[in-house]
PDB file of N, CA and C in Angstrom:
ATOM      1  N   MET A   1       0.841  -1.170   0.000  1.00  0.00           N
ATOM      2  CA  MET A   1       0.000   0.000   0.000  1.00  0.00           C
ATOM      3  C   MET A   1       0.892   1.240   0.000  1.00  0.00           C
ATOM      4  N   VAL A   2       0.508   2.236  -0.747  1.00  0.00           N
ATOM      5  CA  VAL A   2       1.272   3.468  -0.858  1.00  0.00           C
ATOM      6  C   VAL A   2       0.960   4.361   0.335  1.00  0.00           C
ATOM      7  N   LYS A   3       2.017   4.883   0.954  1.00  0.00           N
ATOM      8  CA  LYS A   3       1.837   5.781   2.087  1.00  0.00           C
ATOM      9  C   LYS A   3       1.625   7.195   1.562  1.00  0.00           C
ATOM     10  N   SER A   4       0.642   7.876   2.101  1.00  0.00           N
ATOM     11  CA  SER A   4       0.311   9.228   1.673  1.00  0.00           C
ATOM     12  C   SER A   4       0.421  10.169   2.865  1.00  0.00           C
ATOM     13  N   ASN A   5       0.747  11.420   2.580  1.00  0.00           N
ATOM     14  CA  ASN A   5       0.821  12.401   3.654  1.00  0.00           C
ATOM     15  C   ASN A   5      -0.470  13.214   3.760  1.00  0.00           C
ATOM     16  N   LEU A   6      -1.530  12.784   3.051  1.00  0.00           N
ATOM     17  CA  LEU A   6      -2.818  13.459   3.148  1.00  0.00           C
ATOM     18  C   LEU A   6      -3.599  12.921   4.341  1.00  0.00           C
ATOM     19  N   LYS A   7      -4.184  13.819   5.085  1.00  0.00           N
ATOM     20  CA  LYS A   7      -5.066  13.405   6.174  1.00  0.00           C
ATOM     21  C   LYS A   7      -6.443  13.099   5.598  1.00  0.00           C
ATOM     22  N   LYS A   8      -7.251  12.443   6.396  1.00  0.00           N
ATOM     23  CA  LYS A   8      -8.565  12.017   5.907  1.00  0.00           C
ATOM     24  C   LYS A   8      -9.434  13.211   5.504  1.00  0.00           C
ATOM     25  N   HIS A   9      -9.442  14.275   6.298  1.00  0.00           N
ATOM     26  CA  HIS A   9     -10.290  15.420   5.978  1.00  0.00           C
ATOM     27  C   HIS A   9      -9.791  16.168   4.745  1.00  0.00           C
ATOM     28  N   GLU A  10      -8.484  16.103   4.464  1.00  0.00           N
ATOM     29  CA  GLU A  10      -7.964  16.732   3.251  1.00  0.00           C
ATOM     30  C   GLU A  10      -8.407  15.963   2.015  1.00  0.00           C
ATOM     31  N   LEU A  11      -8.427  14.649   2.113  1.00  0.00           N
ATOM     32  CA  LEU A  11      -8.893  13.823   1.006  1.00  0.00           C
ATOM     33  C   LEU A  11     -10.385  14.053   0.758  1.00  0.00           C
ATOM     34  N   VAL A  12     -11.145  14.171   1.822  1.00  0.00           N
ATOM     35  CA  VAL A  12     -12.575  14.458   1.689  1.00  0.00           C
ATOM     36  C   VAL A  12     -12.776  15.828   1.051  1.00  0.00           C
ATOM     37  N   GLY A  13     -11.981  16.812   1.442  1.00  0.00           N
ATOM     38  CA  GLY A  13     -12.077  18.144   0.853  1.00  0.00           C
ATOM     39  C   GLY A  13     -11.777  18.142  -0.634  1.00  0.00           C
ATOM     40  N   LEU A  14     -10.745  17.407  -1.036  1.00  0.00           N
ATOM     41  CA  LEU A  14     -10.420  17.320  -2.460  1.00  0.00           C
ATOM     42  C   LEU A  14     -11.537  16.630  -3.234  1.00  0.00           C
ATOM     43  N   LEU A  15     -12.126  15.607  -2.651  1.00  0.00           N
ATOM     44  CA  LEU A  15     -13.232  14.908  -3.298  1.00  0.00           C
ATOM     45  C   LEU A  15     -14.450  15.826  -3.442  1.00  0.00           C
ATOM     46  N   LEU A  16     -14.734  16.621  -2.419  1.00  0.00           N
ATOM     47  CA  LEU A  16     -15.863  17.548  -2.487  1.00  0.00           C
ATOM     48  C   LEU A  16     -15.656  18.607  -3.560  1.00  0.00           C
ATOM     49  N   VAL A  17     -14.441  19.121  -3.680  1.00  0.00           N
ATOM     50  CA  VAL A  17     -14.159  20.117  -4.717  1.00  0.00           C
ATOM     51  C   VAL A  17     -14.282  19.488  -6.103  1.00  0.00           C
ATOM     52  N   PHE A  18     -13.821  18.248  -6.256  1.00  0.00           N
ATOM     53  CA  PHE A  18     -13.961  17.554  -7.536  1.00  0.00           C
ATOM     54  C   PHE A  18     -15.434  17.346  -7.892  1.00  0.00           C
ATOM     55  N   LEU A  19     -16.235  16.921  -6.927  1.00  0.00           N
ATOM     56  CA  LEU A  19     -17.663  16.729  -7.181  1.00  0.00           C
ATOM     57  C   LEU A  19     -18.363  18.049  -7.492  1.00  0.00           C
ATOM     58  N   ALA A  20     -17.918  19.139  -6.850  1.00  0.00           N
ATOM     59  CA  ALA A  20     -18.488  20.452  -7.150  1.00  0.00           C
ATOM     60  C   ALA A  20     -18.194  20.855  -8.588  1.00  0.00           C
ATOM     61  N   GLY A  21     -16.972  20.629  -9.033  1.00  0.00           N
ATOM     62  CA  GLY A  21     -16.636  20.933 -10.424  1.00  0.00           C
ATOM     63  C   GLY A  21     -17.420  20.083 -11.401  1.00  0.00           C
ATOM     64  N   THR A  22     -17.652  18.833 -11.044  1.00  0.00           N
ATOM     65  CA  THR A  22     -18.443  17.952 -11.902  1.00  0.00           C
ATOM     66  C   THR A  22     -19.890  18.426 -11.992  1.00  0.00           C
ATOM     67  N   CYS A  23     -20.489  18.789 -10.865  1.00  0.00           N
ATOM     68  CA  CYS A  23     -21.867  19.300 -10.872  1.00  0.00           C
ATOM     69  C   CYS A  23     -21.966  20.600 -11.655  1.00  0.00           C
ATOM     70  N   LEU A  24     -20.980  21.455 -11.511  1.00  0.00           N
ATOM     71  CA  LEU A  24     -20.981  22.711 -12.253  1.00  0.00           C
ATOM     72  C   LEU A  24     -20.881  22.451 -13.751  1.00  0.00           C
ATOM     73  N   GLY A  25     -20.038  21.516 -14.142  1.00  0.00           N
ATOM     74  CA  GLY A  25     -19.903  21.180 -15.557  1.00  0.00           C
ATOM     75  C   GLY A  25     -21.182  20.598 -16.133  1.00  0.00           C
ATOM     76  N   ILE A  26     -21.836  19.713 -15.397  1.00  0.00           N
ATOM     77  CA  ILE A  26     -23.104  19.145 -15.866  1.00  0.00           C
ATOM     78  C   ILE A  26     -24.164  20.238 -15.971  1.00  0.00           C
ATOM     79  N   GLY A  27     -24.200  21.133 -14.987  1.00  0.00           N
ATOM     80  CA  GLY A  27     -25.155  22.241 -15.029  1.00  0.00           C
ATOM     81  C   GLY A  27     -24.923  23.155 -16.219  1.00  0.00           C
ATOM     82  N   LEU A  28     -23.663  23.474 -16.507  1.00  0.00           N
ATOM     83  CA  LEU A  28     -23.366  24.314 -17.669  1.00  0.00           C
ATOM     84  C   LEU A  28     -23.739  23.621 -18.969  1.00  0.00           C
ATOM     85  N   PHE A  29     -23.498  22.320 -19.046  1.00  0.00           N
ATOM     86  CA  PHE A  29     -23.882  21.575 -20.244  1.00  0.00           C
ATOM     87  C   PHE A  29     -25.392  21.629 -20.454  1.00  0.00           C
ATOM     88  N   ILE A  30     -26.155  21.440 -19.383  1.00  0.00           N
ATOM     89  CA  ILE A  30     -27.613  21.457 -19.497  1.00  0.00           C
ATOM     90  C   ILE A  30     -28.108  22.845 -19.894  1.00  0.00           C
ATOM     91  N   VAL A  31     -27.498  23.890 -19.343  1.00  0.00           N
ATOM     92  CA  VAL A  31     -27.892  25.253 -19.697  1.00  0.00           C
ATOM     93  C   VAL A  31     -27.602  25.529 -21.171  1.00  0.00           C
ATOM     94  N   LEU A  32     -26.417  25.169 -21.628  1.00  0.00           N
ATOM     95  CA  LEU A  32     -26.071  25.426 -23.029  1.00  0.00           C
ATOM     96  C   LEU A  32     -26.917  24.583 -23.975  1.00  0.00           C
ATOM     97  N   TRP A  33     -27.191  23.342 -23.616  1.00  0.00           N
ATOM     98  CA  TRP A  33     -28.035  22.506 -24.466  1.00  0.00           C
ATOM     99  C   TRP A  33     -29.464  23.046 -24.486  1.00  0.00           C
ATOM    100  N   GLY A  34     -29.957  23.515 -23.345  1.00  0.00           N
ATOM    101  CA  GLY A  34     -31.302  24.089 -23.301  1.00  0.00           C
ATOM    102  C   GLY A  34     -31.416  25.370 -24.104  1.00  0.00           C
ATOM    103  N   ALA A  35     -30.338  26.148 -24.148  1.00  0.00           N
ATOM    104  CA  ALA A  35     -30.357  27.386 -24.923  1.00  0.00           C
ATOM    105  C   ALA A  35     -30.273  27.114 -26.422  1.00  0.00           C
ATOM    106  N   ASN A  36     -29.578  26.070 -26.810  1.00  0.00           N
ATOM    107  CA  ASN A  36     -29.398  25.779 -28.234  1.00  0.00           C
ATOM    108  C   ASN A  36     -30.415  24.788 -28.792  1.00  0.00           C
ATOM    109  N   ARG A  37     -31.206  24.182 -27.940  1.00  0.00           N
ATOM    110  CA  ARG A  37     -32.179  23.186 -28.398  1.00  0.00           C
ATOM    111  C   ARG A  37     -33.191  23.742 -29.395  1.00  0.00           C
ATOM    112  N   PRO A  38     -33.761  24.945 -29.192  1.00  0.00           N
ATOM    113  CA  PRO A  38     -34.688  25.466 -30.209  1.00  0.00           C
ATOM    114  C   PRO A  38     -34.006  25.701 -31.562  1.00  0.00           C
ATOM    115  N   LEU A  39     -32.747  26.082 -31.533  1.00  0.00           N
ATOM    116  CA  LEU A  39     -32.026  26.266 -32.794  1.00  0.00           C
ATOM    117  C   LEU A  39     -31.751  24.929 -33.472  1.00  0.00           C
ATOM    118  N   TYR A  40     -31.439  23.926 -32.683  1.00  0.00           N
ATOM    119  CA  TYR A  40     -31.110  22.609 -33.226  1.00  0.00           C
ATOM    120  C   TYR A  40     -32.332  21.950 -33.869  1.00  0.00           C
ATOM    121  N   TYR A  41     -33.470  22.031 -33.181  1.00  0.00           N
ATOM    122  CA  TYR A  41     -34.683  21.399 -33.694  1.00  0.00           C
ATOM    123  C   TYR A  41     -35.516  22.334 -34.565  1.00  0.00           C
ATOM    124  N   GLY A  42     -35.210  23.623 -34.565  1.00  0.00           N
ATOM    125  CA  GLY A  42     -35.910  24.576 -35.425  1.00  0.00           C
ATOM    126  C   GLY A  42     -37.314  24.919 -34.970  1.00  0.00           C
ATOM    127  N   SER A  43     -37.581  24.841 -33.680  1.00  0.00           N
ATOM    128  CA  SER A  43     -38.917  25.143 -33.182  1.00  0.00           C
ATOM    129  C   SER A  43     -38.813  25.672 -31.758  1.00  0.00           C
ATOM    130  N   LEU A  44     -39.681  26.624 -31.437  1.00  0.00           N
ATOM    131  CA  LEU A  44     -39.700  27.167 -30.078  1.00  0.00           C
ATOM    132  C   LEU A  44     -40.398  26.239 -29.087  1.00  0.00           C
ATOM    133  N   ASP A  45     -40.930  25.135 -29.573  1.00  0.00           N
ATOM    134  CA  ASP A  45     -41.567  24.164 -28.679  1.00  0.00           C
ATOM    135  C   ASP A  45     -40.554  23.476 -27.773  1.00  0.00           C
ATOM    136  N   TYR A  46     -39.279  23.586 -28.104  1.00  0.00           N
ATOM    137  CA  TYR A  46     -38.232  22.902 -27.344  1.00  0.00           C
ATOM    138  C   TYR A  46     -37.554  23.808 -26.317  1.00  0.00           C
ATOM    139  N   LEU A  47     -38.165  24.945 -26.006  1.00  0.00           N
ATOM    140  CA  LEU A  47     -37.620  25.806 -24.956  1.00  0.00           C
ATOM    141  C   LEU A  47     -37.709  25.109 -23.601  1.00  0.00           C
ATOM    142  N   ILE A  48     -36.877  25.537 -22.679  1.00  0.00           N
ATOM    143  CA  ILE A  48     -36.881  24.954 -21.331  1.00  0.00           C
ATOM    144  C   ILE A  48     -38.119  25.428 -20.581  1.00  0.00           C
ATOM    145  N   ARG A  49     -38.851  24.469 -20.019  1.00  0.00           N
ATOM    146  CA  ARG A  49     -40.040  24.819 -19.247  1.00  0.00           C
ATOM    147  C   ARG A  49     -40.407  23.643 -18.334  1.00  0.00           C
ATOM    148  N   GLY A  50     -41.262  23.936 -17.387  1.00  0.00           N
ATOM    149  CA  GLY A  50     -41.772  22.889 -16.502  1.00  0.00           C
ATOM    150  C   GLY A  50     -40.730  22.342 -15.543  1.00  0.00           C
ATOM    151  N   ARG A  51     -40.615  21.029 -15.526  1.00  0.00           N
ATOM    152  CA  ARG A  51     -39.710  20.358 -14.591  1.00  0.00           C
ATOM    153  C   ARG A  51     -38.243  20.624 -14.896  1.00  0.00           C
ATOM    154  N   GLU A  52     -37.943  20.992 -16.130  1.00  0.00           N
ATOM    155  CA  GLU A  52     -36.541  21.243 -16.484  1.00  0.00           C
ATOM    156  C   GLU A  52     -35.972  22.456 -15.754  1.00  0.00           C
ATOM    157  N   LEU A  53     -36.837  23.354 -15.305  1.00  0.00           N
ATOM    158  CA  LEU A  53     -36.361  24.534 -14.581  1.00  0.00           C
ATOM    159  C   LEU A  53     -35.816  24.178 -13.200  1.00  0.00           C
ATOM    160  N   ILE A  54     -36.159  23.011 -12.681  1.00  0.00           N
ATOM    161  CA  ILE A  54     -35.645  22.565 -11.382  1.00  0.00           C
ATOM    162  C   ILE A  54     -34.173  22.174 -11.494  1.00  0.00           C
ATOM    163  N   VAL A  55     -33.744  21.820 -12.693  1.00  0.00           N
ATOM    164  CA  VAL A  55     -32.379  21.335 -12.898  1.00  0.00           C
ATOM    165  C   VAL A  55     -31.343  22.418 -12.588  1.00  0.00           C
ATOM    166  N   PHE A  56     -31.639  23.673 -12.905  1.00  0.00           N
ATOM    167  CA  PHE A  56     -30.651  24.735 -12.705  1.00  0.00           C
ATOM    168  C   PHE A  56     -30.275  24.923 -11.240  1.00  0.00           C
ATOM    169  N   PRO A  57     -31.250  25.175 -10.350  1.00  0.00           N
ATOM    170  CA  PRO A  57     -30.841  25.313  -8.945  1.00  0.00           C
ATOM    171  C   PRO A  57     -30.317  24.016  -8.348  1.00  0.00           C
ATOM    172  N   LEU A  58     -30.774  22.888  -8.881  1.00  0.00           N
ATOM    173  CA  LEU A  58     -30.313  21.607  -8.359  1.00  0.00           C
ATOM    174  C   LEU A  58     -28.813  21.437  -8.580  1.00  0.00           C
ATOM    175  N   PHE A  59     -28.353  21.604  -9.809  1.00  0.00           N
ATOM    176  CA  PHE A  59     -26.935  21.394 -10.094  1.00  0.00           C
ATOM    177  C   PHE A  59     -26.066  22.559  -9.621  1.00  0.00           C
ATOM    178  N   PHE A  60     -26.503  23.796  -9.871  1.00  0.00           N
ATOM    179  CA  PHE A  60     -25.676  24.927  -9.468  1.00  0.00           C
ATOM    180  C   PHE A  60     -25.654  25.105  -7.957  1.00  0.00           C
ATOM    181  N   GLY A  61     -26.770  24.869  -7.292  1.00  0.00           N
ATOM    182  CA  GLY A  61     -26.808  24.950  -5.832  1.00  0.00           C
ATOM    183  C   GLY A  61     -25.979  23.861  -5.177  1.00  0.00           C
ATOM    184  N   THR A  62     -26.080  22.655  -5.718  1.00  0.00           N
ATOM    185  CA  THR A  62     -25.271  21.551  -5.197  1.00  0.00           C
ATOM    186  C   THR A  62     -23.794  21.824  -5.406  1.00  0.00           C
ATOM    187  N   ALA A  63     -23.446  22.358  -6.573  1.00  0.00           N
ATOM    188  CA  ALA A  63     -22.040  22.668  -6.853  1.00  0.00           C
ATOM    189  C   ALA A  63     -21.517  23.731  -5.889  1.00  0.00           C
ATOM    190  N   ALA A  64     -22.307  24.768  -5.642  1.00  0.00           N
ATOM    191  CA  ALA A  64     -21.869  25.824  -4.723  1.00  0.00           C
ATOM    192  C   ALA A  64     -21.707  25.289  -3.303  1.00  0.00           C
ATOM    193  N   LEU A  65     -22.636  24.454  -2.876  1.00  0.00           N
ATOM    194  CA  LEU A  65     -22.564  23.882  -1.531  1.00  0.00           C
ATOM    195  C   LEU A  65     -21.357  22.964  -1.379  1.00  0.00           C
ATOM    196  N   LEU A  66     -21.137  22.081  -2.352  1.00  0.00           N
ATOM    197  CA  LEU A  66     -19.991  21.174  -2.287  1.00  0.00           C
ATOM    198  C   LEU A  66     -18.677  21.940  -2.349  1.00  0.00           C
ATOM    199  N   TRP A  67     -18.623  22.994  -3.166  1.00  0.00           N
ATOM    200  CA  TRP A  67     -17.406  23.802  -3.274  1.00  0.00           C
ATOM    201  C   TRP A  67     -17.090  24.452  -1.926  1.00  0.00           C
ATOM    202  N   ALA A  68     -18.106  25.024  -1.285  1.00  0.00           N
ATOM    203  CA  ALA A  68     -17.890  25.679   0.011  1.00  0.00           C
ATOM    204  C   ALA A  68     -17.457  24.674   1.073  1.00  0.00           C
ATOM    205  N   LEU A  69     -18.095  23.513   1.113  1.00  0.00           N
ATOM    206  CA  LEU A  69     -17.709  22.500   2.094  1.00  0.00           C
ATOM    207  C   LEU A  69     -16.301  21.976   1.829  1.00  0.00           C
ATOM    208  N   GLY A  70     -15.940  21.827   0.561  1.00  0.00           N
ATOM    209  CA  GLY A  70     -14.588  21.387   0.219  1.00  0.00           C
ATOM    210  C   GLY A  70     -13.541  22.408   0.616  1.00  0.00           C
ATOM    211  N   GLN A  71     -13.844  23.688   0.437  1.00  0.00           N
ATOM    212  CA  GLN A  71     -12.897  24.730   0.825  1.00  0.00           C
ATOM    213  C   GLN A  71     -12.729  24.794   2.342  1.00  0.00           C
ATOM    214  N   VAL A  72     -13.797  24.527   3.082  1.00  0.00           N
ATOM    215  CA  VAL A  72     -13.691  24.486   4.542  1.00  0.00           C
ATOM    216  C   VAL A  72     -12.765  23.353   4.969  1.00  0.00           C
ATOM    217  N   GLU A  73     -12.893  22.193   4.329  1.00  0.00           N
ATOM    218  CA  GLU A  73     -12.041  21.055   4.674  1.00  0.00           C
ATOM    219  C   GLU A  73     -10.582  21.306   4.299  1.00  0.00           C
ATOM    220  N   LEU A  74     -10.342  22.065   3.246  1.00  0.00           N
ATOM    221  CA  LEU A  74      -8.975  22.286   2.765  1.00  0.00           C
ATOM    222  C   LEU A  74      -8.336  23.555   3.318  1.00  0.00           C
ATOM    223  N   ARG A  75      -9.021  24.256   4.188  1.00  0.00           N
ATOM    224  CA  ARG A  75      -8.540  25.561   4.646  1.00  0.00           C
ATOM    225  C   ARG A  75      -7.148  25.493   5.284  1.00  0.00           C
ATOM    226  N   TRP A  76      -6.885  24.493   6.090  1.00  0.00           N
ATOM    227  CA  TRP A  76      -5.621  24.437   6.821  1.00  0.00           C
ATOM    228  C   TRP A  76      -4.589  23.549   6.148  1.00  0.00           C
ATOM    229  N   MET A  77      -4.847  23.129   4.927  1.00  0.00           N
ATOM    230  CA  MET A  77      -3.900  22.277   4.202  1.00  0.00           C
ATOM    231  C   MET A  77      -2.722  23.125   3.733  1.00  0.00           C
ATOM    232  N   LYS A  78      -1.519  22.686   4.048  1.00  0.00           N
ATOM    233  CA  LYS A  78      -0.321  23.435   3.674  1.00  0.00           C
ATOM    234  C   LYS A  78       0.358  22.738   2.494  1.00  0.00           C
ATOM    235  N   PRO A  79       0.690  23.481   1.441  1.00  0.00           N
ATOM    236  CA  PRO A  79       1.341  22.848   0.292  1.00  0.00           C
ATOM    237  C   PRO A  79       2.771  22.432   0.617  1.00  0.00           C
ATOM    238  N   GLY A  80       3.173  21.265   0.150  1.00  0.00           N
ATOM    239  CA  GLY A  80       4.540  20.798   0.328  1.00  0.00           C
ATOM    240  C   GLY A  80       4.843  20.234   1.695  1.00  0.00           C
ATOM    241  N   ARG A  81       3.833  20.044   2.521  1.00  0.00           N
ATOM    242  CA  ARG A  81       4.055  19.540   3.871  1.00  0.00           C
ATOM    243  C   ARG A  81       4.511  18.085   3.813  1.00  0.00           C
ATOM    244  N   GLY A  82       5.550  17.770   4.512  1.00  0.00           N
ATOM    245  CA  GLY A  82       6.022  16.397   4.615  1.00  0.00           C
ATOM    246  C   GLY A  82       6.821  15.910   3.420  1.00  0.00           C
ATOM    247  N   LEU A  83       7.223  16.791   2.548  1.00  0.00           N
ATOM    248  CA  LEU A  83       8.009  16.389   1.374  1.00  0.00           C
ATOM    249  C   LEU A  83       9.468  16.775   1.598  1.00  0.00           C
ATOM    250  N   LYS A  84      10.221  15.944   2.309  1.00  0.00           N
ATOM    251  CA  LYS A  84      11.623  16.262   2.603  1.00  0.00           C
ATOM    252  C   LYS A  84      12.533  15.293   1.927  1.00  0.00           C
TER     253      LYS A  84
END
């Protein structure tokens, strides 16, 4: 097994920041696809409406929350610690 100098909370913080970036990327993809869908299909019937409007706060809110929690976990992490 490989020995690491990362503590458990630092690993959790890095994972939370990674998941936040993933949620943000999925949210941006959905926003861009929703904006271009009427152009792609050639009809205004494909505009975002109804249940699809829940997707924006779901992904962007989750991303913001995970990012903040990840930054809290990584606050005291010092770069280069233990590399002698």
